Amino acid sequence: MKKLLIIFSVVFLLFACGELPENFHVNYYGNGQTSGFAPTDSTEYTSGQYATVKDKHTLVKTGSEFGGWNTKADNTGTHYDVGDQIEIRNINIFLYAVWNAQ
C-alpha cells in the first residue's frame, strides 16, 4: 500500500507540474454500418493542434449514404464534414458516422 501511495504521489506531482505529456486522439466509429471499417488516425495530438476529419474509409450502411461525422452517435452533437479541421482541446475526440437514408 505504501508503494502505491508513493507512486500515486509522484504521478500527481509530475502531472501538477506539467511534466507528463498530454497526447490526444481522434477516434472514428461506424455507428451501425453493415460492412467495412472506420478510418483510423494514429496521430498523437497535443492541445492546440488541428486534426483533419477523414473520409469514411470502407464503411457502408445498406440503404444509407454517408453524411459526415458527429460527436454523438445519435447525431445531436457537433457535425463535421470530411476535410474539416477540429481543434484538439485537452480531450480525445470521438466521431460517429452519420447515415442519411437514400
PDB file of N, CA and C in Angstrom:
ATOM      1  N   MET A   1       0.825  -1.187   0.000  1.00  0.00           N
ATOM      2  CA  MET A   1       0.000   0.000   0.000  1.00  0.00           C
ATOM      3  C   MET A   1       0.867   1.248   0.000  1.00  0.00           C
ATOM      4  N   LYS A   2       1.974   1.196   0.748  1.00  0.00           N
ATOM      5  CA  LYS A   2       2.867   2.357   0.834  1.00  0.00           C
ATOM      6  C   LYS A   2       3.496   2.662  -0.526  1.00  0.00           C
ATOM      7  N   LYS A   3       3.873   1.589  -1.263  1.00  0.00           N
ATOM      8  CA  LYS A   3       4.448   1.789  -2.599  1.00  0.00           C
ATOM      9  C   LYS A   3       3.429   2.446  -3.532  1.00  0.00           C
ATOM     10  N   LEU A   4       2.188   2.004  -3.451  1.00  0.00           N
ATOM     11  CA  LEU A   4       1.135   2.568  -4.292  1.00  0.00           C
ATOM     12  C   LEU A   4       0.934   4.044  -3.983  1.00  0.00           C
ATOM     13  N   LEU A   5       0.966   4.397  -2.724  1.00  0.00           N
ATOM     14  CA  LEU A   5       0.813   5.793  -2.322  1.00  0.00           C
ATOM     15  C   LEU A   5       1.972   6.631  -2.841  1.00  0.00           C
ATOM     16  N   ILE A   6       3.168   6.114  -2.780  1.00  0.00           N
ATOM     17  CA  ILE A   6       4.340   6.846  -3.280  1.00  0.00           C
ATOM     18  C   ILE A   6       4.243   7.024  -4.794  1.00  0.00           C
ATOM     19  N   ILE A   7       3.875   5.973  -5.502  1.00  0.00           N
ATOM     20  CA  ILE A   7       3.738   6.070  -6.963  1.00  0.00           C
ATOM     21  C   ILE A   7       2.664   7.083  -7.319  1.00  0.00           C
ATOM     22  N   PHE A   8       1.529   7.017  -6.644  1.00  0.00           N
ATOM     23  CA  PHE A   8       0.452   7.969  -6.898  1.00  0.00           C
ATOM     24  C   PHE A   8       0.926   9.395  -6.638  1.00  0.00           C
ATOM     25  N   SER A   9       1.652   9.611  -5.565  1.00  0.00           N
ATOM     26  CA  SER A   9       2.137  10.952  -5.224  1.00  0.00           C
ATOM     27  C   SER A   9       3.097  11.485  -6.288  1.00  0.00           C
ATOM     28  N   VAL A  10       3.979  10.636  -6.773  1.00  0.00           N
ATOM     29  CA  VAL A  10       4.932  11.062  -7.807  1.00  0.00           C
ATOM     30  C   VAL A  10       4.193  11.406  -9.099  1.00  0.00           C
ATOM     31  N   VAL A  11       3.257  10.563  -9.496  1.00  0.00           N
ATOM     32  CA  VAL A  11       2.484  10.827 -10.711  1.00  0.00           C
ATOM     33  C   VAL A  11       1.698  12.121 -10.563  1.00  0.00           C
ATOM     34  N   PHE A  12       1.077  12.321  -9.407  1.00  0.00           N
ATOM     35  CA  PHE A  12       0.320  13.547  -9.173  1.00  0.00           C
ATOM     36  C   PHE A  12       1.223  14.769  -9.253  1.00  0.00           C
ATOM     37  N   LEU A  13       2.390  14.713  -8.650  1.00  0.00           N
ATOM     38  CA  LEU A  13       3.315  15.856  -8.686  1.00  0.00           C
ATOM     39  C   LEU A  13       3.798  16.140 -10.106  1.00  0.00           C
ATOM     40  N   LEU A  14       4.106  15.101 -10.854  1.00  0.00           N
ATOM     41  CA  LEU A  14       4.531  15.303 -12.239  1.00  0.00           C
ATOM     42  C   LEU A  14       3.418  15.926 -13.062  1.00  0.00           C
ATOM     43  N   PHE A  15       2.196  15.441 -12.863  1.00  0.00           N
ATOM     44  CA  PHE A  15       1.053  15.989 -13.589  1.00  0.00           C
ATOM     45  C   PHE A  15       0.823  17.446 -13.205  1.00  0.00           C
ATOM     46  N   ALA A  16       0.875  17.738 -11.926  1.00  0.00           N
ATOM     47  CA  ALA A  16       0.648  19.103 -11.449  1.00  0.00           C
ATOM     48  C   ALA A  16       1.703  20.068 -11.974  1.00  0.00           C
ATOM     49  N   CYS A  17       2.903  19.582 -12.188  1.00  0.00           N
ATOM     50  CA  CYS A  17       3.992  20.423 -12.694  1.00  0.00           C
ATOM     51  C   CYS A  17       4.005  20.480 -14.217  1.00  0.00           C
ATOM     52  N   GLY A  18       3.114  19.764 -14.843  1.00  0.00           N
ATOM     53  CA  GLY A  18       3.040  19.777 -16.298  1.00  0.00           C
ATOM     54  C   GLY A  18       4.110  18.949 -16.971  1.00  0.00           C
ATOM     55  N   GLU A  19       4.663  17.986 -16.263  1.00  0.00           N
ATOM     56  CA  GLU A  19       5.745  17.178 -16.809  1.00  0.00           C
ATOM     57  C   GLU A  19       5.263  15.984 -17.619  1.00  0.00           C
ATOM     58  N   LEU A  20       4.025  15.563 -17.415  1.00  0.00           N
ATOM     59  CA  LEU A  20       3.518  14.429 -18.181  1.00  0.00           C
ATOM     60  C   LEU A  20       3.017  14.907 -19.530  1.00  0.00           C
ATOM     61  N   PRO A  21       3.393  14.227 -20.593  1.00  0.00           N
ATOM     62  CA  PRO A  21       2.902  14.653 -21.909  1.00  0.00           C
ATOM     63  C   PRO A  21       1.396  14.440 -22.012  1.00  0.00           C
ATOM     64  N   GLU A  22       0.752  15.340 -22.690  1.00  0.00           N
ATOM     65  CA  GLU A  22      -0.690  15.246 -22.899  1.00  0.00           C
ATOM     66  C   GLU A  22      -0.927  14.955 -24.378  1.00  0.00           C
ATOM     67  N   ASN A  23      -1.201  13.730 -24.695  1.00  0.00           N
ATOM     68  CA  ASN A  23      -1.473  13.322 -26.070  1.00  0.00           C
ATOM     69  C   ASN A  23      -2.926  12.915 -26.197  1.00  0.00           C
ATOM     70  N   PHE A  24      -3.539  13.345 -27.289  1.00  0.00           N
ATOM     71  CA  PHE A  24      -4.950  13.084 -27.510  1.00  0.00           C
ATOM     72  C   PHE A  24      -5.142  12.454 -28.879  1.00  0.00           C
ATOM     73  N   HIS A  25      -6.251  11.756 -29.050  1.00  0.00           N
ATOM     74  CA  HIS A  25      -6.521  11.018 -30.280  1.00  0.00           C
ATOM     75  C   HIS A  25      -7.883  11.377 -30.854  1.00  0.00           C
ATOM     76  N   VAL A  26      -8.020  11.152 -32.162  1.00  0.00           N
ATOM     77  CA  VAL A  26      -9.309  11.257 -32.834  1.00  0.00           C
ATOM     78  C   VAL A  26      -9.717   9.832 -33.181  1.00  0.00           C
ATOM     79  N   ASN A  27     -10.882   9.431 -32.699  1.00  0.00           N
ATOM     80  CA  ASN A  27     -11.383   8.064 -32.861  1.00  0.00           C
ATOM     81  C   ASN A  27     -12.650   8.072 -33.708  1.00  0.00           C
ATOM     82  N   TYR A  28     -12.715   7.184 -34.673  1.00  0.00           N
ATOM     83  CA  TYR A  28     -13.848   7.101 -35.598  1.00  0.00           C
ATOM     84  C   TYR A  28     -14.623   5.808 -35.367  1.00  0.00           C
ATOM     85  N   TYR A  29     -15.970   5.910 -35.435  1.00  0.00           N
ATOM     86  CA  TYR A  29     -16.840   4.752 -35.231  1.00  0.00           C
ATOM     87  C   TYR A  29     -17.869   4.667 -36.350  1.00  0.00           C
ATOM     88  N   GLY A  30     -18.156   3.441 -36.792  1.00  0.00           N
ATOM     89  CA  GLY A  30     -19.067   3.211 -37.910  1.00  0.00           C
ATOM     90  C   GLY A  30     -20.516   3.512 -37.609  1.00  0.00           C
ATOM     91  N   ASN A  31     -20.910   3.426 -36.361  1.00  0.00           N
ATOM     92  CA  ASN A  31     -22.244   3.839 -35.944  1.00  0.00           C
ATOM     93  C   ASN A  31     -23.363   3.100 -36.689  1.00  0.00           C
ATOM     94  N   GLY A  32     -23.277   1.768 -36.685  1.00  0.00           N
ATOM     95  CA  GLY A  32     -24.341   0.971 -37.294  1.00  0.00           C
ATOM     96  C   GLY A  32     -24.079   0.542 -38.722  1.00  0.00           C
ATOM     97  N   GLN A  33     -22.850   0.649 -39.166  1.00  0.00           N
ATOM     98  CA  GLN A  33     -22.541   0.234 -40.531  1.00  0.00           C
ATOM     99  C   GLN A  33     -22.848  -1.238 -40.717  1.00  0.00           C
ATOM    100  N   THR A  34     -23.154  -1.617 -41.957  1.00  0.00           N
ATOM    101  CA  THR A  34     -23.416  -3.020 -42.256  1.00  0.00           C
ATOM    102  C   THR A  34     -22.163  -3.737 -42.748  1.00  0.00           C
ATOM    103  N   SER A  35     -21.163  -2.982 -43.189  1.00  0.00           N
ATOM    104  CA  SER A  35     -19.882  -3.580 -43.559  1.00  0.00           C
ATOM    105  C   SER A  35     -18.801  -2.499 -43.588  1.00  0.00           C
ATOM    106  N   GLY A  36     -17.578  -2.956 -43.676  1.00  0.00           N
ATOM    107  CA  GLY A  36     -16.442  -2.047 -43.784  1.00  0.00           C
ATOM    108  C   GLY A  36     -15.896  -1.615 -42.437  1.00  0.00           C
ATOM    109  N   PHE A  37     -14.884  -0.762 -42.530  1.00  0.00           N
ATOM    110  CA  PHE A  37     -14.166  -0.309 -41.348  1.00  0.00           C
ATOM    111  C   PHE A  37     -14.052   1.204 -41.339  1.00  0.00           C
ATOM    112  N   ALA A  38     -14.142   1.771 -40.149  1.00  0.00           N
ATOM    113  CA  ALA A  38     -13.958   3.218 -39.981  1.00  0.00           C
ATOM    114  C   ALA A  38     -12.484   3.553 -40.182  1.00  0.00           C
ATOM    115  N   PRO A  39     -12.196   4.794 -40.557  1.00  0.00           N
ATOM    116  CA  PRO A  39     -10.796   5.188 -40.695  1.00  0.00           C
ATOM    117  C   PRO A  39     -10.105   5.201 -39.337  1.00  0.00           C
ATOM    118  N   THR A  40      -8.804   5.167 -39.370  1.00  0.00           N
ATOM    119  CA  THR A  40      -8.033   5.291 -38.136  1.00  0.00           C
ATOM    120  C   THR A  40      -7.128   6.507 -38.251  1.00  0.00           C
ATOM    121  N   ASP A  41      -6.882   7.126 -37.145  1.00  0.00           N
ATOM    122  CA  ASP A  41      -5.962   8.260 -37.064  1.00  0.00           C
ATOM    123  C   ASP A  41      -4.989   7.948 -35.938  1.00  0.00           C
ATOM    124  N   SER A  42      -3.794   7.559 -36.304  1.00  0.00           N
ATOM    125  CA  SER A  42      -2.799   7.158 -35.306  1.00  0.00           C
ATOM    126  C   SER A  42      -1.975   8.336 -34.782  1.00  0.00           C
ATOM    127  N   THR A  43      -2.293   9.535 -35.220  1.00  0.00           N
ATOM    128  CA  THR A  43      -1.556  10.716 -34.761  1.00  0.00           C
ATOM    129  C   THR A  43      -1.843  10.973 -33.292  1.00  0.00           C
ATOM    130  N   GLU A  44      -0.809  11.314 -32.563  1.00  0.00           N
ATOM    131  CA  GLU A  44      -0.965  11.752 -31.176  1.00  0.00           C
ATOM    132  C   GLU A  44      -0.909  13.271 -31.185  1.00  0.00           C
ATOM    133  N   TYR A  45      -2.037  13.883 -30.894  1.00  0.00           N
ATOM    134  CA  TYR A  45      -2.152  15.333 -30.934  1.00  0.00           C
ATOM    135  C   TYR A  45      -1.918  15.925 -29.553  1.00  0.00           C
ATOM    136  N   THR A  46      -1.455  17.152 -29.528  1.00  0.00           N
ATOM    137  CA  THR A  46      -1.382  17.911 -28.290  1.00  0.00           C
ATOM    138  C   THR A  46      -2.407  19.028 -28.371  1.00  0.00           C
ATOM    139  N   SER A  47      -2.769  19.549 -27.225  1.00  0.00           N
ATOM    140  CA  SER A  47      -3.773  20.605 -27.188  1.00  0.00           C
ATOM    141  C   SER A  47      -3.330  21.781 -28.053  1.00  0.00           C
ATOM    142  N   GLY A  48      -4.260  22.290 -28.858  1.00  0.00           N
ATOM    143  CA  GLY A  48      -3.969  23.409 -29.743  1.00  0.00           C
ATOM    144  C   GLY A  48      -3.678  22.994 -31.174  1.00  0.00           C
ATOM    145  N   GLN A  49      -3.396  21.725 -31.395  1.00  0.00           N
ATOM    146  CA  GLN A  49      -3.181  21.243 -32.755  1.00  0.00           C
ATOM    147  C   GLN A  49      -4.531  21.019 -33.423  1.00  0.00           C
ATOM    148  N   TYR A  50      -4.497  20.874 -34.741  1.00  0.00           N
ATOM    149  CA  TYR A  50      -5.709  20.622 -35.510  1.00  0.00           C
ATOM    150  C   TYR A  50      -5.616  19.267 -36.198  1.00  0.00           C
ATOM    151  N   ALA A  51      -6.734  18.561 -36.202  1.00  0.00           N
ATOM    152  CA  ALA A  51      -6.843  17.290 -36.921  1.00  0.00           C
ATOM    153  C   ALA A  51      -7.770  17.506 -38.103  1.00  0.00           C
ATOM    154  N   THR A  52      -7.445  16.898 -39.231  1.00  0.00           N
ATOM    155  CA  THR A  52      -8.300  16.948 -40.409  1.00  0.00           C
ATOM    156  C   THR A  52      -9.233  15.746 -40.384  1.00  0.00           C
ATOM    157  N   VAL A  53     -10.526  15.996 -40.522  1.00  0.00           N
ATOM    158  CA  VAL A  53     -11.531  14.936 -40.474  1.00  0.00           C
ATOM    159  C   VAL A  53     -11.376  14.040 -41.704  1.00  0.00           C
ATOM    160  N   LYS A  54     -11.329  12.755 -41.450  1.00  0.00           N
ATOM    161  CA  LYS A  54     -11.106  11.767 -42.506  1.00  0.00           C
ATOM    162  C   LYS A  54     -12.396  11.368 -43.222  1.00  0.00           C
ATOM    163  N   ASP A  55     -12.204  10.732 -44.386  1.00  0.00           N
ATOM    164  CA  ASP A  55     -13.320  10.186 -45.155  1.00  0.00           C
ATOM    165  C   ASP A  55     -13.815   8.905 -44.476  1.00  0.00           C
ATOM    166  N   LYS A  56     -14.842   8.289 -45.031  1.00  0.00           N
ATOM    167  CA  LYS A  56     -15.490   7.128 -44.416  1.00  0.00           C
ATOM    168  C   LYS A  56     -14.674   5.840 -44.489  1.00  0.00           C
ATOM    169  N   HIS A  57     -13.572   5.831 -45.182  1.00  0.00           N
ATOM    170  CA  HIS A  57     -12.747   4.645 -45.401  1.00  0.00           C
ATOM    171  C   HIS A  57     -13.590   3.606 -46.141  1.00  0.00           C
ATOM    172  N   THR A  58     -13.846   2.438 -45.580  1.00  0.00           N
ATOM    173  CA  THR A  58     -14.616   1.409 -46.287  1.00  0.00           C
ATOM    174  C   THR A  58     -16.009   1.207 -45.692  1.00  0.00           C
ATOM    175  N   LEU A  59     -16.467   2.139 -44.868  1.00  0.00           N
ATOM    176  CA  LEU A  59     -17.773   1.999 -44.224  1.00  0.00           C
ATOM    177  C   LEU A  59     -18.907   1.997 -45.242  1.00  0.00           C
ATOM    178  N   VAL A  60     -19.877   1.119 -45.017  1.00  0.00           N
ATOM    179  CA  VAL A  60     -21.093   1.044 -45.821  1.00  0.00           C
ATOM    180  C   VAL A  60     -22.241   0.743 -44.869  1.00  0.00           C
ATOM    181  N   LYS A  61     -23.374   1.382 -45.103  1.00  0.00           N
ATOM    182  CA  LYS A  61     -24.600   1.027 -44.396  1.00  0.00           C
ATOM    183  C   LYS A  61     -25.681   0.865 -45.451  1.00  0.00           C
ATOM    184  N   THR A  62     -26.205  -0.337 -45.568  1.00  0.00           N
ATOM    185  CA  THR A  62     -27.211  -0.656 -46.579  1.00  0.00           C
ATOM    186  C   THR A  62     -28.391   0.305 -46.475  1.00  0.00           C
ATOM    187  N   GLY A  63     -28.771   0.896 -47.622  1.00  0.00           N
ATOM    188  CA  GLY A  63     -29.908   1.804 -47.682  1.00  0.00           C
ATOM    189  C   GLY A  63     -29.609   3.214 -47.211  1.00  0.00           C
ATOM    190  N   SER A  64     -28.338   3.509 -46.946  1.00  0.00           N
ATOM    191  CA  SER A  64     -27.961   4.834 -46.447  1.00  0.00           C
ATOM    192  C   SER A  64     -26.739   5.372 -47.168  1.00  0.00           C
ATOM    193  N   GLU A  65     -26.642   6.690 -47.150  1.00  0.00           N
ATOM    194  CA  GLU A  65     -25.459   7.371 -47.677  1.00  0.00           C
ATOM    195  C   GLU A  65     -24.693   7.978 -46.523  1.00  0.00           C
ATOM    196  N   PHE A  66     -23.374   7.936 -46.637  1.00  0.00           N
ATOM    197  CA  PHE A  66     -22.517   8.554 -45.626  1.00  0.00           C
ATOM    198  C   PHE A  66     -22.707  10.061 -45.670  1.00  0.00           C
ATOM    199  N   GLY A  67     -22.933  10.671 -44.501  1.00  0.00           N
ATOM    200  CA  GLY A  67     -23.202  12.105 -44.442  1.00  0.00           C
ATOM    201  C   GLY A  67     -22.264  12.879 -43.538  1.00  0.00           C
ATOM    202  N   GLY A  68     -21.066  12.346 -43.302  1.00  0.00           N
ATOM    203  CA  GLY A  68     -20.106  13.044 -42.453  1.00  0.00           C
ATOM    204  C   GLY A  68     -19.985  12.386 -41.093  1.00  0.00           C
ATOM    205  N   TRP A  69     -19.606  13.196 -40.120  1.00  0.00           N
ATOM    206  CA  TRP A  69     -19.330  12.698 -38.773  1.00  0.00           C
ATOM    207  C   TRP A  69     -20.000  13.584 -37.742  1.00  0.00           C
ATOM    208  N   ASN A  70     -20.281  13.000 -36.577  1.00  0.00           N
ATOM    209  CA  ASN A  70     -20.878  13.759 -35.489  1.00  0.00           C
ATOM    210  C   ASN A  70     -20.220  13.329 -34.183  1.00  0.00           C
ATOM    211  N   THR A  71     -20.169  14.243 -33.230  1.00  0.00           N
ATOM    212  CA  THR A  71     -19.549  13.931 -31.943  1.00  0.00           C
ATOM    213  C   THR A  71     -20.440  13.074 -31.052  1.00  0.00           C
ATOM    214  N   LYS A  72     -21.685  12.852 -31.476  1.00  0.00           N
ATOM    215  CA  LYS A  72     -22.587  11.978 -30.723  1.00  0.00           C
ATOM    216  C   LYS A  72     -23.206  10.957 -31.666  1.00  0.00           C
ATOM    217  N   ALA A  73     -23.341   9.743 -31.182  1.00  0.00           N
ATOM    218  CA  ALA A  73     -23.866   8.655 -32.011  1.00  0.00           C
ATOM    219  C   ALA A  73     -25.296   8.915 -32.475  1.00  0.00           C
ATOM    220  N   ASP A  74     -26.066   9.686 -31.712  1.00  0.00           N
ATOM    221  CA  ASP A  74     -27.451   9.968 -32.098  1.00  0.00           C
ATOM    222  C   ASP A  74     -27.576  11.217 -32.970  1.00  0.00           C
ATOM    223  N   ASN A  75     -26.450  11.746 -33.416  1.00  0.00           N
ATOM    224  CA  ASN A  75     -26.390  12.881 -34.346  1.00  0.00           C
ATOM    225  C   ASN A  75     -26.864  14.199 -33.717  1.00  0.00           C
ATOM    226  N   THR A  76     -26.808  14.312 -32.400  1.00  0.00           N
ATOM    227  CA  THR A  76     -27.225  15.551 -31.738  1.00  0.00           C
ATOM    228  C   THR A  76     -26.039  16.417 -31.311  1.00  0.00           C
ATOM    229  N   GLY A  77     -24.837  15.974 -31.649  1.00  0.00           N
ATOM    230  CA  GLY A  77     -23.642  16.736 -31.273  1.00  0.00           C
ATOM    231  C   GLY A  77     -23.202  17.657 -32.397  1.00  0.00           C
ATOM    232  N   THR A  78     -21.920  17.909 -32.456  1.00  0.00           N
ATOM    233  CA  THR A  78     -21.339  18.780 -33.478  1.00  0.00           C
ATOM    234  C   THR A  78     -21.072  17.965 -34.739  1.00  0.00           C
ATOM    235  N   HIS A  79     -21.532  18.498 -35.882  1.00  0.00           N
ATOM    236  CA  HIS A  79     -21.359  17.820 -37.170  1.00  0.00           C
ATOM    237  C   HIS A  79     -20.052  18.273 -37.818  1.00  0.00           C
ATOM    238  N   TYR A  80     -19.357  17.322 -38.446  1.00  0.00           N
ATOM    239  CA  TYR A  80     -18.147  17.618 -39.203  1.00  0.00           C
ATOM    240  C   TYR A  80     -18.229  16.950 -40.564  1.00  0.00           C
ATOM    241  N   ASP A  81     -17.816  17.675 -41.586  1.00  0.00           N
ATOM    242  CA  ASP A  81     -17.701  17.112 -42.921  1.00  0.00           C
ATOM    243  C   ASP A  81     -16.269  16.656 -43.147  1.00  0.00           C
ATOM    244  N   VAL A  82     -16.091  15.756 -44.097  1.00  0.00           N
ATOM    245  CA  VAL A  82     -14.755  15.297 -44.475  1.00  0.00           C
ATOM    246  C   VAL A  82     -13.919  16.509 -44.855  1.00  0.00           C
ATOM    247  N   GLY A  83     -12.715  16.575 -44.320  1.00  0.00           N
ATOM    248  CA  GLY A  83     -11.801  17.676 -44.615  1.00  0.00           C
ATOM    249  C   GLY A  83     -11.861  18.828 -43.629  1.00  0.00           C
ATOM    250  N   ASP A  84     -12.907  18.861 -42.784  1.00  0.00           N
ATOM    251  CA  ASP A  84     -12.977  19.910 -41.761  1.00  0.00           C
ATOM    252  C   ASP A  84     -11.792  19.794 -40.806  1.00  0.00           C
ATOM    253  N   GLN A  85     -11.499  20.881 -40.132  1.00  0.00           N
ATOM    254  CA  GLN A  85     -10.439  20.907 -39.132  1.00  0.00           C
ATOM    255  C   GLN A  85     -11.065  20.925 -37.738  1.00  0.00           C
ATOM    256  N   ILE A  86     -10.543  20.086 -36.859  1.00  0.00           N
ATOM    257  CA  ILE A  86     -11.002  20.047 -35.463  1.00  0.00           C
ATOM    258  C   ILE A  86      -9.829  20.459 -34.584  1.00  0.00           C
ATOM    259  N   GLU A  87     -10.052  21.456 -33.752  1.00  0.00           N
ATOM    260  CA  GLU A  87      -9.010  21.842 -32.798  1.00  0.00           C
ATOM    261  C   GLU A  87      -9.050  20.883 -31.606  1.00  0.00           C
ATOM    262  N   ILE A  88      -7.891  20.371 -31.259  1.00  0.00           N
ATOM    263  CA  ILE A  88      -7.773  19.470 -30.118  1.00  0.00           C
ATOM    264  C   ILE A  88      -7.638  20.331 -28.865  1.00  0.00           C
ATOM    265  N   ARG A  89      -8.515  20.092 -27.899  1.00  0.00           N
ATOM    266  CA  ARG A  89      -8.536  20.906 -26.676  1.00  0.00           C
ATOM    267  C   ARG A  89      -8.536  20.027 -25.433  1.00  0.00           C
ATOM    268  N   ASN A  90      -7.435  19.394 -25.169  1.00  0.00           N
ATOM    269  CA  ASN A  90      -7.236  18.616 -23.942  1.00  0.00           C
ATOM    270  C   ASN A  90      -8.190  17.438 -23.762  1.00  0.00           C
ATOM    271  N   ILE A  91      -8.766  16.934 -24.839  1.00  0.00           N
ATOM    272  CA  ILE A  91      -9.616  15.744 -24.746  1.00  0.00           C
ATOM    273  C   ILE A  91      -9.466  14.908 -26.009  1.00  0.00           C
ATOM    274  N   ASN A  92      -9.769  13.638 -25.887  1.00  0.00           N
ATOM    275  CA  ASN A  92      -9.867  12.780 -27.064  1.00  0.00           C
ATOM    276  C   ASN A  92     -11.165  13.116 -27.788  1.00  0.00           C
ATOM    277  N   ILE A  93     -11.145  12.997 -29.109  1.00  0.00           N
ATOM    278  CA  ILE A  93     -12.314  13.282 -29.929  1.00  0.00           C
ATOM    279  C   ILE A  93     -12.897  11.954 -30.409  1.00  0.00           C
ATOM    280  N   PHE A  94     -14.211  11.809 -30.289  1.00  0.00           N
ATOM    281  CA  PHE A  94     -14.912  10.622 -30.759  1.00  0.00           C
ATOM    282  C   PHE A  94     -15.891  11.059 -31.838  1.00  0.00           C
ATOM    283  N   LEU A  95     -15.740  10.489 -33.039  1.00  0.00           N
ATOM    284  CA  LEU A  95     -16.606  10.846 -34.167  1.00  0.00           C
ATOM    285  C   LEU A  95     -17.362   9.610 -34.638  1.00  0.00           C
ATOM    286  N   TYR A  96     -18.669   9.801 -34.830  1.00  0.00           N
ATOM    287  CA  TYR A  96     -19.566   8.723 -35.233  1.00  0.00           C
ATOM    288  C   TYR A  96     -20.090   9.014 -36.633  1.00  0.00           C
ATOM    289  N   ALA A  97     -20.098   8.004 -37.490  1.00  0.00           N
ATOM    290  CA  ALA A  97     -20.593   8.183 -38.849  1.00  0.00           C
ATOM    291  C   ALA A  97     -22.044   8.633 -38.825  1.00  0.00           C
ATOM    292  N   VAL A  98     -22.359   9.546 -39.724  1.00  0.00           N
ATOM    293  CA  VAL A  98     -23.736   9.997 -39.920  1.00  0.00           C
ATOM    294  C   VAL A  98     -24.257   9.287 -41.166  1.00  0.00           C
ATOM    295  N   TRP A  99     -25.416   8.669 -41.041  1.00  0.00           N
ATOM    296  CA  TRP A  99     -26.005   7.930 -42.155  1.00  0.00           C
ATOM    297  C   TRP A  99     -27.332   8.575 -42.521  1.00  0.00           C
ATOM    298  N   ASN A 100     -27.463   8.949 -43.787  1.00  0.00           N
ATOM    299  CA  ASN A 100     -28.700   9.535 -44.310  1.00  0.00           C
ATOM    300  C   ASN A 100     -29.394   8.516 -45.183  1.00  0.00           C
ATOM    301  N   ALA A 101     -30.704   8.348 -44.957  1.00  0.00           N
ATOM    302  CA  ALA A 101     -31.478   7.390 -45.754  1.00  0.00           C
ATOM    303  C   ALA A 101     -31.460   7.779 -47.219  1.00  0.00           C
ATOM    304  N   GLN A 102     -31.347   6.792 -48.097  1.00  0.00           N
ATOM    305  CA  GLN A 102     -31.339   7.064 -49.543  1.00  0.00           C
ATOM    306  C   GLN A 102     -32.732   7.244 -50.052  1.00  0.00           C
TER     307      GLN A 102
END
